[in-house]
Amino acid sequence: MPKAQSHLLRRGRCSKPGRLYLLTTTTHQRKPLFHDFEHARLVVRRRIICTS
């Protein structure tokens, strides 16, 4: 099996305070939980609480 190359995705990237970032999320068995906007908002709110 070939070795994962995902670390290459971060090459040349940096974090800057106050900037917006895209967060990609997948669910178990790709179940479409985020068709409901309120479900998506709940995930974002929880992410903000966890990083504060």
Protein backbone atom coordinates (compact mmCIF):
# COMPACT_ATOMS: atom_id res chain seq x y z
CA MET A 1 0.00 0.00 0.00
CA PRO A 2 1.46 3.44 -0.89
CA LYS A 3 2.38 5.82 1.92
CA ALA A 4 -0.11 8.67 2.55
CA GLN A 5 0.94 12.03 1.16
CA SER A 6 -1.58 14.18 3.07
CA HIS A 7 1.23 16.06 4.83
CA LEU A 8 1.99 17.67 1.46
CA LEU A 9 -1.33 19.54 1.63
CA ARG A 10 0.06 21.72 4.42
CA ARG A 11 3.21 22.73 2.56
CA GLY A 12 3.39 26.50 2.19
CA ARG A 13 0.44 27.15 4.49
CA CYS A 14 0.39 29.30 7.60
CA SER A 15 -2.13 30.46 10.19
CA LYS A 16 -2.82 34.13 10.80
CA PRO A 17 -4.98 35.55 13.61
CA GLY A 18 -8.24 37.12 12.45
CA ARG A 19 -8.31 35.25 9.12
CA LEU A 20 -11.17 33.06 7.89
CA TYR A 21 -10.53 29.39 7.23
CA LEU A 22 -12.49 26.66 5.52
CA LEU A 23 -13.20 23.61 7.65
CA THR A 24 -14.18 20.44 5.83
CA THR A 25 -16.12 17.84 7.78
CA THR A 26 -17.24 14.34 6.91
CA THR A 27 -19.73 12.24 8.82
CA HIS A 28 -19.87 8.54 9.60
CA GLN A 29 -20.67 6.69 6.38
CA ARG A 30 -21.08 10.14 4.78
CA LYS A 31 -24.57 10.49 6.22
CA PRO A 32 -25.98 13.87 5.04
CA LEU A 33 -26.47 15.47 8.47
CA PHE A 34 -25.89 19.02 7.27
CA HIS A 35 -28.83 19.33 4.89
CA ASP A 36 -30.53 20.92 7.90
CA PHE A 37 -28.91 24.35 8.37
CA GLU A 38 -29.45 24.23 12.14
CA HIS A 39 -27.40 21.03 12.38
CA ALA A 40 -24.55 22.74 10.56
CA ARG A 41 -24.77 25.77 12.87
CA LEU A 42 -24.63 23.48 15.91
CA VAL A 43 -21.36 21.96 14.68
CA VAL A 44 -19.84 25.41 14.09
CA ARG A 45 -20.92 26.64 17.52
CA ARG A 46 -19.47 23.56 19.18
CA ARG A 47 -16.20 23.99 17.29
CA ILE A 48 -15.96 27.60 18.50
CA ILE A 49 -16.52 26.51 22.12
CA CYS A 50 -13.87 23.77 21.85
CA THR A 51 -11.23 26.15 20.51
CA SER A 52 -11.90 28.98 22.98
